[in-house]
N, C-alpha and C. Protein backbone atom coordinates (compact mmCIF):
# COMPACT_ATOMS: atom_id res chain seq x y z
N MET A 1 79.40 -39.13 -0.33
CA MET A 1 79.01 -38.87 1.03
C MET A 1 80.08 -38.02 1.72
N ARG A 2 79.64 -37.00 2.42
CA ARG A 2 80.57 -36.07 3.07
C ARG A 2 81.12 -36.69 4.36
N ASP A 3 82.37 -36.38 4.64
CA ASP A 3 83.04 -36.88 5.84
C ASP A 3 82.84 -35.85 6.97
N PRO A 4 82.14 -36.20 8.06
CA PRO A 4 81.89 -35.25 9.14
C PRO A 4 83.17 -34.72 9.78
N ALA A 5 84.21 -35.55 9.89
CA ALA A 5 85.47 -35.10 10.47
C ALA A 5 86.13 -34.06 9.57
N LEU A 6 86.08 -34.29 8.27
CA LEU A 6 86.63 -33.34 7.31
C LEU A 6 85.86 -32.01 7.37
N ASP A 7 84.55 -32.09 7.47
CA ASP A 7 83.72 -30.89 7.58
C ASP A 7 84.03 -30.12 8.86
N ALA A 8 84.24 -30.83 9.97
CA ALA A 8 84.57 -30.17 11.24
C ALA A 8 85.89 -29.43 11.14
N HIS A 9 86.89 -30.04 10.51
CA HIS A 9 88.18 -29.37 10.32
C HIS A 9 88.02 -28.12 9.45
N GLN A 10 87.20 -28.21 8.42
CA GLN A 10 87.00 -27.06 7.54
C GLN A 10 86.33 -25.92 8.28
N GLN A 11 85.33 -26.21 9.11
CA GLN A 11 84.67 -25.16 9.90
C GLN A 11 85.65 -24.51 10.85
N TRP A 12 86.48 -25.32 11.51
CA TRP A 12 87.46 -24.80 12.45
C TRP A 12 88.47 -23.92 11.74
N LEU A 13 88.95 -24.37 10.58
CA LEU A 13 89.91 -23.57 9.82
C LEU A 13 89.29 -22.26 9.34
N ASP A 14 88.02 -22.27 8.98
CA ASP A 14 87.35 -21.04 8.57
C ASP A 14 87.35 -20.01 9.69
N LEU A 15 87.29 -20.48 10.93
CA LEU A 15 87.28 -19.58 12.08
C LEU A 15 88.66 -19.04 12.41
N ILE A 16 89.70 -19.84 12.27
CA ILE A 16 91.02 -19.41 12.72
C ILE A 16 91.94 -18.92 11.62
N GLN A 17 91.63 -19.18 10.39
CA GLN A 17 92.54 -18.85 9.29
C GLN A 17 92.95 -17.38 9.27
N PRO A 18 92.07 -16.43 9.62
CA PRO A 18 92.51 -15.04 9.58
C PRO A 18 93.71 -14.76 10.48
N VAL A 19 94.00 -15.64 11.42
CA VAL A 19 95.12 -15.42 12.33
C VAL A 19 96.44 -15.85 11.71
N GLY A 20 96.39 -16.56 10.62
CA GLY A 20 97.61 -16.91 9.93
C GLY A 20 97.95 -18.39 9.86
N LEU A 21 97.15 -19.25 10.46
CA LEU A 21 97.42 -20.67 10.38
C LEU A 21 97.15 -21.16 8.97
N VAL A 22 98.09 -21.92 8.43
CA VAL A 22 97.90 -22.47 7.09
C VAL A 22 97.89 -23.99 7.23
N ALA A 23 96.76 -24.59 6.94
CA ALA A 23 96.61 -26.04 6.99
C ALA A 23 95.41 -26.40 6.14
N SER A 24 95.28 -27.67 5.85
CA SER A 24 94.12 -28.11 5.09
C SER A 24 93.42 -29.22 5.86
N PRO A 25 92.10 -29.34 5.71
CA PRO A 25 91.39 -30.41 6.40
C PRO A 25 91.97 -31.80 6.12
N PRO A 26 92.29 -32.13 4.86
CA PRO A 26 92.88 -33.46 4.63
C PRO A 26 94.21 -33.65 5.37
N ALA A 27 95.03 -32.61 5.44
CA ALA A 27 96.31 -32.71 6.16
C ALA A 27 96.08 -32.94 7.64
N LEU A 28 95.08 -32.26 8.21
CA LEU A 28 94.76 -32.46 9.62
C LEU A 28 94.28 -33.88 9.90
N LEU A 29 93.45 -34.41 8.99
CA LEU A 29 92.98 -35.79 9.15
C LEU A 29 94.14 -36.78 9.04
N THR A 30 95.02 -36.56 8.08
CA THR A 30 96.17 -37.44 7.89
C THR A 30 97.08 -37.42 9.11
N ALA A 31 97.21 -36.25 9.73
CA ALA A 31 98.05 -36.11 10.92
C ALA A 31 97.38 -36.68 12.17
N GLY A 32 96.12 -37.06 12.05
CA GLY A 32 95.41 -37.63 13.18
C GLY A 32 94.82 -36.60 14.13
N ALA A 33 94.73 -35.36 13.69
CA ALA A 33 94.13 -34.31 14.53
C ALA A 33 92.65 -34.60 14.71
N VAL A 34 92.20 -34.55 15.95
CA VAL A 34 90.80 -34.80 16.26
C VAL A 34 90.25 -33.59 16.99
N LEU A 35 89.17 -33.02 16.46
CA LEU A 35 88.54 -31.87 17.10
C LEU A 35 87.43 -32.34 18.03
N PRO A 36 87.33 -31.72 19.21
CA PRO A 36 86.18 -32.02 20.04
C PRO A 36 84.90 -31.61 19.31
N ALA A 37 83.83 -32.32 19.56
CA ALA A 37 82.58 -32.05 18.84
C ALA A 37 82.05 -30.65 19.09
N ASN A 38 82.39 -30.06 20.22
CA ASN A 38 81.82 -28.76 20.57
C ASN A 38 82.79 -27.59 20.39
N VAL A 39 83.79 -27.71 19.55
CA VAL A 39 84.82 -26.68 19.44
C VAL A 39 84.31 -25.41 18.73
N ILE A 40 83.38 -25.53 17.81
CA ILE A 40 82.95 -24.39 17.00
C ILE A 40 82.19 -23.36 17.84
N GLY A 41 81.24 -23.79 18.65
CA GLY A 41 80.45 -22.85 19.46
C GLY A 41 81.30 -22.02 20.40
N PRO A 42 82.13 -22.64 21.25
CA PRO A 42 82.98 -21.85 22.15
C PRO A 42 83.96 -20.93 21.40
N TRP A 43 84.47 -21.37 20.25
CA TRP A 43 85.39 -20.52 19.49
C TRP A 43 84.67 -19.27 19.01
N ARG A 44 83.44 -19.43 18.54
CA ARG A 44 82.66 -18.27 18.09
C ARG A 44 82.39 -17.32 19.27
N GLN A 45 82.10 -17.88 20.46
CA GLN A 45 81.86 -17.04 21.63
C GLN A 45 83.10 -16.23 21.98
N LEU A 46 84.27 -16.85 21.91
CA LEU A 46 85.51 -16.12 22.18
C LEU A 46 85.71 -14.98 21.18
N ARG A 47 85.46 -15.26 19.91
CA ARG A 47 85.64 -14.22 18.89
C ARG A 47 84.68 -13.07 19.09
N GLU A 48 83.45 -13.36 19.57
CA GLU A 48 82.47 -12.29 19.81
C GLU A 48 82.92 -11.37 20.94
N LEU A 49 83.71 -11.88 21.87
CA LEU A 49 84.21 -11.07 22.99
C LEU A 49 85.38 -10.19 22.58
N CYS A 50 85.91 -10.42 21.40
CA CYS A 50 87.06 -9.65 20.93
C CYS A 50 86.62 -8.56 19.97
N GLY A 51 87.43 -7.54 19.89
CA GLY A 51 87.22 -6.48 18.92
C GLY A 51 88.31 -6.56 17.87
N GLN A 52 88.36 -5.60 17.00
CA GLN A 52 89.37 -5.55 15.95
C GLN A 52 90.34 -4.42 16.25
N ALA A 53 91.61 -4.69 16.03
CA ALA A 53 92.65 -3.67 16.15
C ALA A 53 93.68 -3.96 15.07
N ASP A 54 93.86 -3.03 14.17
CA ASP A 54 94.80 -3.23 13.06
C ASP A 54 94.56 -4.54 12.33
N ASP A 55 93.28 -4.81 12.03
CA ASP A 55 92.87 -6.01 11.30
C ASP A 55 93.20 -7.31 12.03
N LYS A 56 93.37 -7.24 13.35
CA LYS A 56 93.62 -8.43 14.16
C LYS A 56 92.62 -8.45 15.30
N LEU A 57 92.33 -9.64 15.79
CA LEU A 57 91.45 -9.75 16.95
C LEU A 57 92.18 -9.21 18.17
N ALA A 58 91.45 -8.49 18.99
CA ALA A 58 92.03 -7.93 20.22
C ALA A 58 90.97 -7.97 21.31
N VAL A 59 91.38 -8.21 22.53
CA VAL A 59 90.46 -8.22 23.65
C VAL A 59 90.11 -6.77 23.96
N ALA A 60 88.81 -6.45 23.82
CA ALA A 60 88.36 -5.08 24.04
C ALA A 60 88.21 -4.76 25.52
N ASP A 61 87.72 -5.72 26.30
CA ASP A 61 87.49 -5.52 27.73
C ASP A 61 87.99 -6.76 28.46
N LEU A 62 89.18 -6.67 29.05
CA LEU A 62 89.80 -7.85 29.67
C LEU A 62 88.96 -8.44 30.78
N ALA A 63 88.34 -7.58 31.61
CA ALA A 63 87.53 -8.09 32.73
C ALA A 63 86.36 -8.93 32.21
N VAL A 64 85.66 -8.43 31.21
CA VAL A 64 84.52 -9.17 30.64
C VAL A 64 85.03 -10.46 29.98
N PHE A 65 86.13 -10.36 29.26
CA PHE A 65 86.70 -11.52 28.59
C PHE A 65 87.03 -12.62 29.59
N CYS A 66 87.66 -12.26 30.72
CA CYS A 66 88.06 -13.24 31.72
C CYS A 66 86.87 -13.87 32.42
N VAL A 67 85.83 -13.09 32.65
CA VAL A 67 84.64 -13.62 33.32
C VAL A 67 83.88 -14.56 32.40
N GLU A 68 83.71 -14.17 31.15
CA GLU A 68 82.95 -14.98 30.20
C GLU A 68 83.72 -16.23 29.88
């Protein structure tokens, strides 16, 4: 049976790993890290507001980013 907390950590890591964070879902669980249930949706929305610059996320339009 799959662990929902472990799955949530894996989804979150899949979203942020390109930025350079190195961690594993089991390590996060062992450390007691708890993700809010709704973290994935807002994180994806933030990434959609960003563009790419030199293979890194960058805010393309600061005014739109701040309003959204």
